[in-house]
Amino acid sequence: MNKTRFVLVGAVLLLMLAIGLLFGFAAARVMAPPGGIRSLNTATLLTQVQGLSELVTVKYVLEKVVVIEDVKIYGESRVILLAHGVVKAGVDLAKLKPGDLEVHGREVVINLPMATITDVYLDESQTQVLEHSTGLFRSYDKELEQSARREALDTIRRAARYSGIVDEANARAKEQLRRFFQQLGFATVVIK
């Protein structure tokens, strides 16, 4: 008897949940504006897009071996560094100005800023000094290791740029923004 009552109460609760969901979907459909677009003016839409701030779309991970030598008459110092670098690129949407975004009914036109490299850093957990040698008459030079790290960052930044990270970031930003505006209900999205 208790088992039957438990099943019956569960079925009633499940039925009430299903009716509530159906009512919610029906109410949302009735209250939605025609065409699926909420009433958004350009300033409101621009503020929402700018709120996304930096849209980082590409991350490259690169390794580079850097050798820095300091040779003097009284001896040499050398550092060999295995640098594990991370480079990120994307579009800074905060740079959008009011004229960069236009809404015409179900069409949106956006003048996208050019992608840039947003961050370059060494992953310290994977970067390691393979060798740090000091000549007989030389003292330890910690600036030599710092020079190797700066050289590694510059080299990794250039390698990412030459590998096309900025172009790839532009293409991915356009695609992500196209999907974003389509989800808002725009039928035509033009990104320049």
Protein backbone atom coordinates (compact mmCIF):
# COMPACT_ATOMS: atom_id res chain seq x y z
CA MET A 1 0.00 0.00 0.00
CA ASN A 2 2.77 2.47 0.93
CA LYS A 3 4.68 1.60 -2.21
CA THR A 4 1.64 2.32 -4.41
CA ARG A 5 1.04 5.62 -2.63
CA PHE A 6 4.72 6.58 -3.12
CA VAL A 7 4.55 5.80 -6.86
CA LEU A 8 1.28 7.72 -7.22
CA VAL A 9 2.67 10.83 -5.45
CA GLY A 10 5.81 10.66 -7.62
CA ALA A 11 3.73 10.44 -10.79
CA VAL A 12 1.59 13.42 -9.76
CA LEU A 13 4.71 15.50 -8.97
CA LEU A 14 6.26 14.54 -12.31
CA LEU A 15 3.05 15.50 -14.13
CA MET A 16 2.94 18.87 -12.33
CA LEU A 17 6.60 19.51 -13.30
CA ALA A 18 5.88 18.70 -16.96
CA ILE A 19 2.82 21.01 -17.01
CA GLY A 20 4.89 23.79 -15.40
CA LEU A 21 7.63 23.42 -18.03
CA LEU A 22 5.11 23.46 -20.87
CA PHE A 23 3.45 26.55 -19.43
CA GLY A 24 6.84 28.28 -19.07
CA PHE A 25 7.82 27.54 -22.68
CA ALA A 26 4.41 28.66 -23.95
CA ALA A 27 4.58 31.92 -21.97
CA ALA A 28 8.09 32.64 -23.21
CA ARG A 29 7.00 32.04 -26.80
CA VAL A 30 3.94 34.29 -26.48
CA MET A 31 5.90 37.09 -24.83
CA ALA A 32 8.86 36.92 -27.23
CA PRO A 33 9.01 39.68 -29.84
CA PRO A 34 8.43 38.70 -33.49
CA GLY A 35 11.54 37.59 -35.35
CA GLY A 36 13.27 36.47 -32.16
CA ILE A 37 15.09 39.78 -31.57
CA ARG A 38 14.74 41.65 -28.36
CA SER A 39 14.59 45.39 -28.69
CA LEU A 40 18.24 46.41 -28.55
CA ASN A 41 19.50 49.81 -29.52
CA THR A 42 23.04 50.23 -30.79
CA ALA A 43 24.34 51.82 -27.57
CA THR A 44 23.02 48.96 -25.43
CA LEU A 45 24.45 46.33 -27.78
CA LEU A 46 27.80 48.16 -27.93
CA THR A 47 27.96 48.23 -24.13
CA GLN A 48 27.25 44.49 -23.98
CA VAL A 49 29.94 43.69 -26.56
CA GLN A 50 32.47 45.99 -24.89
CA GLY A 51 31.71 44.18 -21.65
CA LEU A 52 33.32 41.11 -23.18
CA SER A 53 36.58 43.15 -23.02
CA GLU A 54 39.55 41.17 -24.31
CA LEU A 55 38.36 38.31 -26.44
CA VAL A 56 41.38 35.98 -26.35
CA THR A 57 40.89 33.49 -29.16
CA VAL A 58 44.29 31.81 -29.69
CA LYS A 59 46.92 30.39 -27.36
CA TYR A 60 50.26 29.11 -28.64
CA VAL A 61 52.69 27.12 -26.52
CA LEU A 62 56.29 27.30 -27.75
CA GLU A 63 59.66 26.09 -26.53
CA LYS A 64 62.98 27.76 -27.21
CA VAL A 65 66.55 27.06 -26.13
CA VAL A 66 68.44 30.27 -25.36
CA VAL A 67 72.20 30.47 -24.84
CA ILE A 68 73.65 33.64 -23.31
CA GLU A 69 77.41 33.98 -22.89
CA ASP A 70 79.42 36.71 -21.24
CA VAL A 71 83.08 36.34 -22.18
CA LYS A 72 85.73 38.43 -20.44
CA ILE A 73 89.52 38.18 -20.42
CA TYR A 74 89.44 36.64 -16.95
CA GLY A 75 86.76 34.02 -17.73
CA GLU A 76 83.32 33.42 -19.14
CA SER A 77 79.82 32.86 -17.80
CA ARG A 78 77.14 31.02 -19.71
CA VAL A 79 73.48 30.21 -19.25
CA ILE A 80 71.54 27.69 -21.32
CA LEU A 81 67.82 28.06 -20.74
CA LEU A 82 65.02 25.81 -21.99
CA ALA A 83 62.13 28.28 -22.12
CA HIS A 84 58.54 27.06 -22.24
CA GLY A 85 56.51 30.06 -23.36
CA VAL A 86 52.81 30.81 -23.74
CA VAL A 87 51.53 33.43 -26.19
CA LYS A 88 47.91 34.57 -26.27
CA ALA A 89 46.25 36.72 -28.93
CA GLY A 90 42.83 38.22 -29.36
CA VAL A 91 40.73 41.32 -29.93
CA ASP A 92 40.24 44.11 -27.41
CA LEU A 93 36.50 44.77 -27.70
CA ALA A 94 36.74 47.69 -25.27
CA LYS A 95 38.24 49.64 -28.21
CA LEU A 96 34.93 49.55 -30.08
CA LYS A 97 33.49 53.03 -30.64
CA PRO A 98 29.82 53.91 -31.24
CA GLY A 99 30.35 54.11 -35.01
CA ASP A 100 31.85 50.59 -35.09
CA LEU A 101 28.52 48.86 -34.46
CA GLU A 102 25.37 49.38 -36.52
CA VAL A 103 22.03 47.61 -36.18
CA HIS A 104 19.54 47.59 -39.07
CA GLY A 105 16.55 45.44 -38.12
CA ARG A 106 17.82 41.86 -38.09
CA GLU A 107 21.24 42.83 -39.48
CA VAL A 108 24.27 43.87 -37.43
CA VAL A 109 27.45 45.35 -38.90
CA ILE A 110 30.55 45.48 -36.73
CA ASN A 111 33.90 47.11 -37.48
CA LEU A 112 36.21 44.86 -35.46
CA PRO A 113 39.53 46.16 -34.10
CA MET A 114 42.62 44.28 -35.31
CA ALA A 115 43.75 41.37 -33.14
CA THR A 116 46.95 41.75 -31.15
CA ILE A 117 49.16 39.64 -28.94
CA THR A 118 47.64 40.11 -25.50
CA ASP A 119 50.02 38.14 -23.29
CA VAL A 120 53.43 36.48 -23.44
CA TYR A 121 54.93 34.69 -20.46
CA LEU A 122 57.17 31.81 -19.48
CA ASP A 123 55.59 28.81 -17.81
CA GLU A 124 57.95 28.66 -14.82
CA SER A 125 56.95 25.09 -13.95
CA GLN A 126 58.35 23.89 -17.29
CA THR A 127 61.11 26.44 -17.94
CA GLN A 128 64.47 25.28 -16.72
CA VAL A 129 68.11 26.31 -16.66
CA LEU A 130 69.96 23.48 -18.36
CA GLU A 131 73.39 24.91 -17.61
CA HIS A 132 74.78 27.84 -15.68
CA SER A 133 78.56 27.83 -15.79
CA THR A 134 80.89 30.41 -14.34
CA GLY A 135 84.58 30.77 -15.18
CA LEU A 136 87.28 30.25 -12.56
CA PHE A 137 87.80 33.96 -11.86
CA ARG A 138 84.15 35.00 -12.29
CA SER A 139 81.39 35.28 -9.71
CA TYR A 140 77.82 34.10 -10.20
CA ASP A 141 75.91 36.59 -12.40
CA LYS A 142 72.15 36.35 -11.78
CA GLU A 143 71.52 39.06 -14.41
CA LEU A 144 72.72 36.60 -17.07
CA GLU A 145 69.77 34.29 -16.35
CA GLN A 146 67.36 37.24 -16.42
CA SER A 147 68.81 38.26 -19.79
CA ALA A 148 68.21 34.73 -21.07
CA ARG A 149 64.57 34.91 -19.91
CA ARG A 150 64.03 38.29 -21.62
CA GLU A 151 65.65 36.97 -24.81
CA ALA A 152 63.41 33.87 -24.67
CA LEU A 153 60.26 36.01 -24.30
CA ASP A 154 61.24 38.21 -27.26
CA THR A 155 62.09 35.20 -29.42
CA ILE A 156 58.86 33.38 -28.51
CA ARG A 157 56.78 36.52 -29.24
CA ARG A 158 58.42 36.88 -32.68
CA ALA A 159 58.00 33.16 -33.46
CA ALA A 160 54.29 33.32 -32.62
CA ARG A 161 53.83 36.43 -34.77
CA TYR A 162 55.63 34.81 -37.73
CA SER A 163 53.56 31.65 -37.26
CA GLY A 164 50.39 33.66 -37.88
CA ILE A 165 48.92 33.95 -34.38
CA VAL A 166 47.41 37.40 -35.12
CA ASP A 167 45.70 36.27 -38.33
CA GLU A 168 44.35 33.18 -36.59
CA ALA A 169 43.10 35.32 -33.67
CA ASN A 170 41.29 37.64 -36.13
CA ALA A 171 39.59 34.72 -37.88
CA ARG A 172 38.51 33.07 -34.63
CA ALA A 173 37.26 36.35 -33.13
CA LYS A 174 35.09 36.94 -36.21
CA GLU A 175 33.65 33.45 -35.99
CA GLN A 176 32.94 33.69 -32.26
CA LEU A 177 31.28 37.10 -32.63
CA ARG A 178 29.24 35.83 -35.59
CA ARG A 179 27.89 33.02 -33.39
CA PHE A 180 27.30 35.45 -30.50
CA PHE A 181 25.16 37.78 -32.64
CA GLN A 182 23.31 34.89 -34.26
CA GLN A 183 22.39 33.60 -30.79
CA LEU A 184 21.01 37.06 -30.06
CA GLY A 185 18.69 36.51 -33.03
CA PHE A 186 20.36 38.50 -35.82
CA ALA A 187 19.86 36.90 -39.24
CA THR A 188 22.75 38.72 -40.94
CA VAL A 189 26.07 39.43 -39.24
CA VAL A 190 28.64 41.47 -41.18
CA ILE A 191 32.07 41.71 -39.57
CA LYS A 192 34.65 43.96 -41.18
